[in-house]
Protein backbone atom coordinates (compact mmCIF):
# COMPACT_ATOMS: atom_id res chain seq x y z
CA MET A 1 -6.43 10.87 -10.23
CA ILE A 2 -5.52 7.44 -11.57
CA ILE A 3 -3.70 4.89 -9.41
CA ASP A 4 -2.41 2.07 -11.59
CA HIS A 5 -0.61 -1.25 -11.06
CA ALA A 6 -1.78 -1.48 -7.43
CA THR A 7 -2.40 -4.50 -5.24
CA ILE A 8 -5.76 -3.35 -3.88
CA VAL A 9 -6.70 -4.77 -0.47
CA THR A 10 -9.99 -3.70 1.12
CA PRO A 11 -12.99 -4.74 3.19
CA CYS A 12 -16.30 -4.12 1.46
CA GLY A 13 -19.65 -2.75 2.48
CA HIS A 14 -21.39 0.29 3.93
CA SER A 15 -21.65 -0.95 7.51
CA ALA A 16 -19.35 -2.63 10.01
CA CYS A 17 -18.02 -6.11 9.26
CA LYS A 18 -18.88 -8.50 12.10
CA GLY A 19 -17.33 -11.71 13.34
CA ASP A 20 -15.85 -13.90 10.62
CA ALA A 21 -16.57 -11.24 7.99
CA MET A 22 -13.78 -9.12 9.45
CA SER A 23 -11.21 -11.47 7.91
CA ARG A 24 -12.70 -11.37 4.41
CA LEU A 25 -10.76 -8.80 2.42
CA THR A 26 -11.06 -8.30 -1.33
CA THR A 27 -7.68 -8.40 -3.08
CA ILE A 28 -7.20 -7.19 -6.66
CA LYS A 29 -3.77 -7.72 -8.14
CA ASP A 30 -2.63 -5.35 -10.89
CA GLY A 31 -5.57 -3.16 -9.92
CA CYS A 32 -6.58 0.32 -10.90
CA VAL A 33 -8.50 3.07 -9.10
CA ILE A 34 -9.94 6.07 -10.95
CA VAL A 35 -10.94 9.10 -8.89
CA ARG A 36 -13.08 12.00 -10.05
CA ASP A 37 -13.88 15.02 -7.86
CA GLY A 38 -12.62 13.26 -4.74
CA LEU A 39 -14.81 10.17 -5.18
CA ILE A 40 -13.95 6.69 -6.45
CA GLU A 41 -15.33 6.23 -9.96
CA TYR A 42 -13.76 2.85 -10.71
CA VAL A 43 -11.96 0.14 -8.77
CA GLY A 44 -10.98 -3.15 -10.31
CA PRO A 45 -8.48 -4.86 -12.62
CA ARG A 46 -6.52 -2.42 -14.79
CA ALA A 47 -7.18 -4.64 -17.79
CA ASP A 48 -10.90 -3.78 -17.54
CA ALA A 49 -10.30 -0.04 -17.15
CA GLN A 50 -8.46 0.86 -20.35
CA ASP A 51 -11.37 2.58 -22.09
CA LEU A 52 -12.37 4.49 -18.97
CA MET A 53 -8.77 5.57 -18.36
CA ALA A 54 -8.46 6.82 -21.93
CA GLU A 55 -11.71 8.77 -21.61
CA TYR A 56 -10.64 10.22 -18.27
CA LYS A 57 -7.25 11.30 -19.59
CA LYS A 58 -8.95 13.03 -22.51
CA ASP A 59 -11.24 14.99 -20.16
CA LYS A 60 -8.53 15.91 -17.64
CA SER A 61 -5.54 18.00 -18.66
CA ASP A 62 -4.22 18.22 -15.09
CA ILE A 63 -4.62 14.54 -14.28
CA SER A 64 -2.65 13.10 -11.37
CA PHE A 65 -1.21 9.67 -12.16
CA ILE A 66 0.41 7.28 -9.67
CA ASP A 67 2.13 4.07 -10.70
CA ALA A 68 1.88 1.93 -7.57
CA GLU A 69 4.41 -0.54 -9.00
CA GLY A 70 2.52 -3.41 -7.38
CA ARG A 71 2.42 -1.92 -3.87
CA ALA A 72 -0.52 -2.60 -1.55
CA LEU A 73 -3.25 0.04 -1.62
CA LEU A 74 -5.57 0.07 1.43
CA PRO A 75 -8.41 2.35 2.53
CA GLY A 76 -7.22 5.29 4.61
CA PHE A 77 -6.96 4.45 8.29
CA VAL A 78 -9.67 5.76 10.63
CA ASP A 79 -8.58 6.63 14.18
CA SER A 80 -12.01 6.60 15.81
CA HIS A 81 -11.08 7.48 19.42
CA THR A 82 -8.70 10.33 20.30
CA HIS A 83 -8.44 13.13 22.84
CA LEU A 84 -6.62 15.32 20.36
CA ILE A 85 -7.35 18.71 21.92
CA PHE A 86 -5.75 19.47 25.29
CA GLY A 87 -3.53 21.85 27.21
CA GLY A 88 -0.44 20.88 29.20
CA PHE A 89 1.38 17.58 29.51
CA ARG A 90 1.56 14.97 32.32
CA PRO A 91 4.96 13.24 32.21
CA ASP A 92 5.12 13.25 36.03
CA GLU A 93 2.13 10.90 36.11
CA PHE A 94 3.94 8.51 33.80
CA GLU A 95 6.72 8.35 36.41
CA TRP A 96 4.16 7.77 39.17
CA ARG A 97 2.72 4.82 37.26
CA LEU A 98 6.22 3.39 36.83
CA LYS A 99 6.46 3.46 40.62
CA GLY A 100 3.17 1.59 41.03
CA ASP A 101 0.41 4.22 41.20
CA THR A 102 -2.86 3.25 39.51
CA TYR A 103 -4.97 5.34 37.15
CA MET A 104 -7.62 5.94 39.82
CA SER A 105 -5.10 6.67 42.60
CA ILE A 106 -3.51 9.33 40.41
CA MET A 107 -6.93 10.93 39.91
CA GLN A 108 -7.52 10.89 43.67
CA ARG A 109 -4.27 12.76 44.36
CA GLY A 110 -5.21 15.59 42.00
CA GLY A 111 -3.69 14.28 38.80
CA GLY A 112 -5.41 12.63 35.88
CA ILE A 113 -8.11 14.35 33.89
CA GLN A 114 -8.50 17.26 36.34
CA SER A 115 -4.85 18.18 35.84
CA THR A 116 -5.40 18.50 32.10
CA VAL A 117 -8.65 20.36 32.71
CA ASN A 118 -6.77 23.01 34.67
CA ALA A 119 -4.20 23.37 31.88
CA THR A 120 -6.78 23.41 29.09
CA ARG A 121 -8.83 26.11 30.76
CA ALA A 122 -5.68 28.25 30.80
CA THR A 123 -4.67 27.52 27.19
CA SER A 124 -5.74 29.78 24.32
CA GLU A 125 -7.80 28.47 21.44
CA ASP A 126 -4.99 29.29 19.00
CA GLU A 127 -2.53 27.26 21.03
CA LEU A 128 -4.93 24.31 21.15
CA VAL A 129 -5.26 24.46 17.35
CA ASN A 130 -1.51 24.70 16.74
CA ARG A 131 -0.69 21.81 19.06
CA ALA A 132 -3.35 19.56 17.56
CA GLN A 133 -2.16 20.32 14.02
CA TRP A 134 1.26 18.89 14.89
CA PHE A 135 -0.42 15.61 15.89
CA LEU A 136 -2.62 15.61 12.77
CA ASP A 137 0.43 15.92 10.53
CA ARG A 138 2.10 12.98 12.30
CA MET A 139 -1.11 10.93 11.96
CA SER A 140 -1.28 11.65 8.25
CA SER A 141 2.25 10.31 7.80
CA MET A 142 1.04 7.01 9.34
CA GLY A 143 -1.87 6.69 6.92
CA VAL A 144 -4.71 8.20 8.97
CA THR A 145 -7.23 10.01 6.77
CA THR A 146 -10.09 10.37 9.28
CA VAL A 147 -9.81 11.06 13.01
CA GLU A 148 -12.34 11.50 15.78
CA ALA A 149 -11.52 14.36 18.18
CA LYS A 150 -13.19 14.71 21.59
CA SER A 151 -13.70 17.65 23.88
CA GLY A 152 -13.76 16.80 27.58
CA TYR A 153 -10.89 18.69 29.14
CA GLY A 154 -12.99 21.75 29.91
CA LEU A 155 -15.81 20.45 32.11
CA ASP A 156 -17.41 23.87 31.96
CA ALA A 157 -19.43 25.33 29.12
CA GLU A 158 -16.89 27.98 28.12
CA THR A 159 -13.88 25.67 27.84
CA GLU A 160 -15.83 22.84 26.22
CA GLU A 161 -16.99 25.33 23.59
CA LYS A 162 -13.40 26.54 23.13
CA MET A 163 -12.30 22.97 22.47
CA LEU A 164 -15.13 22.34 20.02
CA ARG A 165 -14.33 25.59 18.20
CA ALA A 166 -10.73 24.46 17.92
CA ILE A 167 -11.88 21.15 16.43
CA ARG A 168 -14.05 22.97 13.91
CA ARG A 169 -11.21 25.31 12.92
CA LEU A 170 -8.96 22.33 12.31
CA ALA A 171 -11.65 20.52 10.30
CA ASP A 172 -12.29 23.58 8.12
CA LYS A 173 -8.63 24.50 7.59
CA ASP A 174 -7.59 24.78 3.95
CA GLY A 175 -5.34 21.91 2.94
CA GLN A 176 -6.09 19.89 6.06
CA PRO A 177 -4.84 16.34 5.31
CA ILE A 178 -7.36 14.60 7.58
CA ARG A 179 -11.13 14.54 7.98
CA ILE A 180 -12.12 15.35 11.58
CA VAL A 181 -15.27 14.12 13.33
CA SER A 182 -16.20 15.98 16.52
CA THR A 183 -17.40 14.37 19.77
CA PHE A 184 -18.67 16.22 22.85
CA LEU A 185 -17.31 14.63 26.05
CA GLY A 186 -18.41 17.04 28.73
CA ALA A 187 -18.97 14.00 30.96
CA HIS A 188 -15.29 13.02 30.97
CA ALA A 189 -15.00 13.53 34.73
CA VAL A 190 -16.82 15.33 37.51
CA PRO A 191 -15.11 18.74 37.85
CA LYS A 192 -13.80 19.80 41.22
CA GLU A 193 -16.51 22.46 41.41
CA TYR A 194 -19.11 19.67 41.52
CA ALA A 195 -17.28 17.18 43.73
CA GLY A 196 -19.92 15.16 45.59
CA HIS A 197 -22.68 16.57 43.36
CA THR A 198 -22.51 14.43 40.24
CA ASP A 199 -26.25 14.60 39.54
CA GLU A 200 -26.09 18.40 39.49
CA TYR A 201 -23.27 18.30 36.97
CA VAL A 202 -25.23 15.86 34.79
CA ASP A 203 -28.17 18.31 34.97
CA LEU A 204 -25.88 21.12 33.83
CA ILE A 205 -24.71 19.11 30.82
CA ILE A 206 -28.27 18.11 29.86
CA LYS A 207 -29.87 21.53 30.30
CA GLU A 208 -27.08 23.83 29.10
CA MET A 209 -24.28 22.08 27.25
CA LEU A 210 -26.09 19.53 25.08
CA PRO A 211 -28.41 22.10 23.45
CA ARG A 212 -25.58 24.64 23.12
CA PHE A 213 -23.21 22.28 21.33
CA ARG A 214 -25.60 20.30 19.15
CA GLU A 215 -24.42 21.99 15.94
CA MET A 216 -20.75 21.68 16.92
CA ALA A 217 -20.50 17.94 17.61
CA ASP A 218 -21.61 14.79 15.80
CA CYS A 219 -21.45 12.50 18.82
CA CYS A 220 -21.84 12.56 22.59
CA ASP A 221 -19.56 10.42 24.77
CA ILE A 222 -19.37 9.72 28.51
CA PHE A 223 -16.81 8.15 30.85
CA CYS A 224 -19.08 5.45 32.29
CA GLU A 225 -17.04 4.20 35.24
CA LYS A 226 -17.41 3.42 38.92
CA ASN A 227 -17.08 6.56 41.08
CA VAL A 228 -17.20 8.76 37.97
CA PHE A 229 -20.46 8.47 35.97
CA GLU A 230 -22.17 5.26 36.93
CA ILE A 231 -24.86 3.44 34.99
CA GLU A 232 -27.95 5.44 35.92
CA GLU A 233 -26.17 8.79 35.49
CA SER A 234 -24.80 7.64 32.13
CA ARG A 235 -28.19 6.37 30.98
CA ARG A 236 -29.88 9.66 31.87
CA LEU A 237 -27.32 11.80 30.07
CA LEU A 238 -27.07 9.62 26.97
CA LYS A 239 -30.84 9.34 26.59
CA ALA A 240 -31.07 13.12 26.64
CA ALA A 241 -28.28 13.37 24.06
CA LYS A 242 -29.96 10.82 21.81
CA ASP A 243 -33.26 12.72 22.02
CA MET A 244 -31.40 15.83 20.80
CA GLY A 245 -29.97 14.00 17.80
CA TYR A 246 -26.47 13.15 18.97
CA LYS A 247 -24.92 9.82 18.00
CA LEU A 248 -23.77 7.98 21.12
CA LYS A 249 -20.39 6.64 22.23
CA LEU A 250 -19.24 5.37 25.65
CA HIS A 251 -16.01 4.88 27.54
CA ALA A 252 -17.11 1.56 29.04
CA ASP A 253 -15.80 -1.08 31.44
CA GLU A 254 -12.24 0.24 31.33
CA ILE A 255 -11.29 0.13 35.01
CA VAL A 256 -13.88 -2.25 36.46
CA GLN A 257 -16.76 -4.33 35.13
CA LEU A 258 -19.68 -1.94 35.53
CA GLY A 259 -22.11 -2.78 32.72
CA GLY A 260 -21.20 -0.03 30.28
CA ALA A 261 -21.21 -2.49 27.37
CA GLU A 262 -24.76 -3.57 28.21
CA LEU A 263 -25.82 0.09 28.43
CA ALA A 264 -24.29 0.81 25.01
CA ALA A 265 -26.32 -2.06 23.56
CA GLU A 266 -29.50 -0.92 25.30
CA LEU A 267 -29.19 2.61 23.88
CA GLY A 268 -28.03 1.60 20.38
CA ALA A 269 -24.73 3.47 20.63
CA LEU A 270 -22.34 3.64 17.68
CA SER A 271 -19.57 2.20 19.85
CA ALA A 272 -18.45 1.27 23.31
CA ASP A 273 -14.73 1.85 23.82
CA HIS A 274 -11.91 0.44 25.99
CA LEU A 275 -13.81 -2.63 27.34
CA LEU A 276 -10.83 -4.13 29.17
CA HIS A 277 -13.14 -5.59 31.83
CA VAL A 278 -16.26 -6.26 29.78
CA SER A 279 -18.56 -9.07 30.92
CA ASP A 280 -19.55 -12.01 28.74
CA ALA A 281 -23.10 -10.68 28.84
CA GLY A 282 -21.84 -7.32 27.62
CA VAL A 283 -20.03 -8.94 24.70
CA GLU A 284 -23.16 -10.81 23.67
CA ALA A 285 -25.37 -7.75 24.06
CA MET A 286 -23.08 -5.60 21.89
CA ALA A 287 -22.88 -8.30 19.22
CA LYS A 288 -26.66 -8.61 19.12
CA ALA A 289 -27.25 -4.85 19.04
CA GLY A 290 -24.56 -4.15 16.41
CA VAL A 291 -22.56 -1.82 18.65
CA VAL A 292 -18.93 -1.53 17.53
CA ALA A 293 -16.34 -2.56 20.13
CA THR A 294 -13.59 0.04 19.79
CA LEU A 295 -10.47 -1.42 21.39
CA LEU A 296 -7.46 0.68 22.38
CA PRO A 297 -4.36 -1.50 22.76
CA LEU A 298 -1.96 1.41 23.26
CA THR A 299 -3.75 2.37 26.48
CA ALA A 300 -3.62 -1.15 27.89
CA PHE A 301 0.06 -1.28 26.94
CA THR A 302 0.82 2.06 28.61
CA LEU A 303 -1.13 1.25 31.78
CA LYS A 304 0.19 -2.33 31.93
CA GLU A 305 -3.37 -3.63 31.96
CA PRO A 306 -4.78 -6.79 30.34
CA TYR A 307 -5.75 -6.21 26.72
CA ALA A 308 -9.41 -6.06 25.73
CA PRO A 309 -10.76 -9.46 24.61
CA ALA A 310 -10.77 -8.94 20.85
CA ARG A 311 -11.17 -12.63 20.06
CA LYS A 312 -14.15 -12.94 22.38
CA PHE A 313 -15.91 -10.10 20.53
CA ILE A 314 -15.08 -11.43 17.07
CA ASP A 315 -16.02 -15.01 17.94
CA ALA A 316 -19.35 -13.74 19.29
CA GLY A 317 -20.10 -12.10 15.95
CA ALA A 318 -19.41 -8.52 17.03
CA ALA A 319 -17.66 -5.78 15.06
CA VAL A 320 -14.27 -4.65 16.40
CA ALA A 321 -12.56 -1.35 15.62
CA LEU A 322 -9.08 -0.24 16.69
CA ALA A 323 -8.07 3.27 17.68
CA THR A 324 -5.15 4.94 19.44
CA ASP A 325 -6.77 6.87 22.34
CA LEU A 326 -4.15 9.60 21.95
CA ASN A 327 -4.35 11.67 25.16
CA PRO A 328 -1.94 13.46 27.52
CA GLY A 329 -2.31 11.06 30.44
CA SER A 330 -3.02 7.37 30.04
CA CYS A 331 -1.80 7.05 26.43
CA PHE A 332 0.44 9.75 25.02
CA SER A 333 0.75 8.08 21.63
CA GLY A 334 -1.02 8.12 18.29
CA SER A 335 1.07 5.33 16.82
CA ILE A 336 -0.86 3.33 14.24
CA PRO A 337 2.11 0.98 13.61
CA LEU A 338 2.38 0.03 17.28
CA SER A 339 -1.41 -0.34 17.56
CA ILE A 340 -1.34 -2.83 14.68
CA ALA A 341 1.51 -4.85 16.20
CA LEU A 342 -0.14 -5.03 19.63
CA ALA A 343 -3.47 -6.08 18.12
CA CYS A 344 -1.86 -8.92 16.20
CA ILE A 345 0.67 -10.07 18.79
CA TYR A 346 -1.22 -9.67 22.07
CA MET A 347 -4.90 -9.46 21.11
CA LYS A 348 -4.64 -12.40 18.67
CA MET A 349 -6.21 -10.56 15.76
CA SER A 350 -5.25 -11.56 12.23
CA ILE A 351 -3.78 -8.91 9.95
CA GLU A 352 -6.97 -9.05 7.86
CA GLU A 353 -9.12 -8.42 10.95
CA THR A 354 -6.80 -5.62 12.01
CA ILE A 355 -7.07 -3.89 8.64
CA THR A 356 -10.86 -4.09 8.77
CA ALA A 357 -10.81 -2.76 12.35
CA LEU A 358 -8.75 0.28 11.29
CA THR A 359 -10.76 1.06 8.17
CA LEU A 360 -14.40 0.09 7.63
CA ASN A 361 -15.16 -0.72 11.28
CA GLY A 362 -13.42 2.44 12.45
CA ALA A 363 -15.63 4.36 10.03
CA ALA A 364 -18.72 2.61 11.42
CA ALA A 365 -17.66 3.56 14.97
CA ILE A 366 -18.09 7.24 14.02
CA GLY A 367 -21.11 6.78 11.79
CA ARG A 368 -19.28 7.21 8.47
CA ALA A 369 -19.15 3.70 6.96
CA ASP A 370 -21.42 4.78 4.12
CA GLU A 371 -18.78 7.16 2.74
CA ILE A 372 -15.33 6.00 3.89
CA GLY A 373 -13.52 2.89 5.15
CA SER A 374 -13.33 0.81 1.97
CA ILE A 375 -12.17 1.16 -1.64
CA GLU A 376 -15.48 1.00 -3.47
CA LYS A 377 -17.18 3.00 -6.19
CA GLY A 378 -18.88 6.10 -4.82
CA LYS A 379 -16.86 6.31 -1.62
CA ARG A 380 -14.37 9.04 -0.82
CA ALA A 381 -10.91 8.61 -2.28
CA ASP A 382 -8.90 8.09 0.91
CA PHE A 383 -6.04 5.61 0.53
CA VAL A 384 -2.89 4.30 2.15
CA MET A 385 -0.14 2.94 -0.09
CA LEU A 386 2.40 0.71 1.65
CA ASN A 387 6.03 0.39 0.65
CA THR A 388 5.45 -3.26 -0.34
CA ASP A 389 2.79 -5.50 -1.83
CA ASN A 390 2.67 -7.64 1.34
CA ILE A 391 0.15 -6.56 4.00
CA ASN A 392 1.86 -8.81 6.58
CA ILE A 393 4.57 -6.17 6.78
CA LEU A 394 2.21 -4.06 8.92
CA PRO A 395 2.62 -6.05 12.17
CA TYR A 396 6.04 -7.39 11.17
CA TYR A 397 7.48 -3.85 11.24
CA VAL A 398 6.82 -3.63 14.99
CA GLY A 399 6.15 0.02 15.77
CA MET A 400 7.73 1.16 12.49
CA ASN A 401 5.92 3.04 9.75
CA CYS A 402 5.67 1.23 6.40
CA VAL A 403 3.33 3.76 4.76
CA LYS A 404 4.77 5.23 1.58
CA THR A 405 1.91 7.50 0.48
CA THR A 406 -1.23 8.89 2.11
CA ILE A 407 -3.99 10.08 -0.21
CA PHE A 408 -6.92 12.11 1.09
CA GLY A 409 -9.85 13.06 -1.10
CA GLY A 410 -7.96 12.16 -4.23
CA ARG A 411 -4.85 14.19 -3.48
CA VAL A 412 -1.49 13.13 -2.12
CA VAL A 413 -1.09 14.65 1.33
CA CYS A 414 1.99 12.80 2.55
CA GLU A 415 4.87 11.08 0.79
CA ASN A 416 7.29 9.27 3.08
CA PRO A 417 10.87 8.49 2.01
């Protein structure tokens, strides 16, 4: 594949960009990208690529050629926090929240995660796969080329395995337009069978589930929250997961300030996510430890909560990623366009910082910054082409999709009108 006459806009590097570096994008006008076998072979000015293009065209009879006509070409977006696999829907809870119920009060009356657990246990693996594929196709149309998918709506070994099998089937599907990274979230909530016996459930995860699922999941996550899995329970489970070779992620400081950010720093997690109520000490600890702060503006928007302090993280020298948190309860949306607008308008992130957060830093939040997240030689050929040369259109089109073409692994997977 050759992409010619592009305005290339990309962060650079093989690890997360931190602090001020998040705003430093490389821009190449009248640029060219040459892709061979799904990897980037050349990126730079088209004027410097004439000999290589001629050689490539000679070697390739079936070459794919795209004239970008000056449009902006970005790295493919990375949605690094989703609950993509689930059974059932919860629109009644949305109505309850409109009437004033809180996230925790809904859980206490039998809704929330347990409601989806009941539905997921009753849903077939095939149905889970088919439903998730619909979301993946929508994500691809918005420029997502890599997505993280969590289990966590089983809360028993059999259903958690069913969810992880569904994720693997989707990842291995021929023609799949998105790369899928799997995360085990057995500690998403304490199941009703273990109500009042959280330590016993943590023991079950450590002794039975973690060893059983090690080859099925890249990462291990936990909902570290007051009255769910508190700090000591989270530390014990995550240490065991780390010893088994899992990469670590945390739902941290979403509902109250508990110290999840500090725990993520202590354990060297890839990311701590949500962070609506993070402490100043937690911000500093994550910045020092290099833990990515994955912020989820759609969830704050849906729950009418204060947004996570993106500026505080960036000004402290931390790395910030953005993700959608697509799930059936607190955020039934995978909208990249709305996420971008909220980050810029309400979280005071610049468009350059937002692009970095959705590309290279999102890749770092799932341990993949060495292979995706920027347009650089040797990385995978995942791109988003906008319908304009102006990246400022991304937040300006509030909630509207301005992606023209999504390219995954050097092939066009979505072409929008």
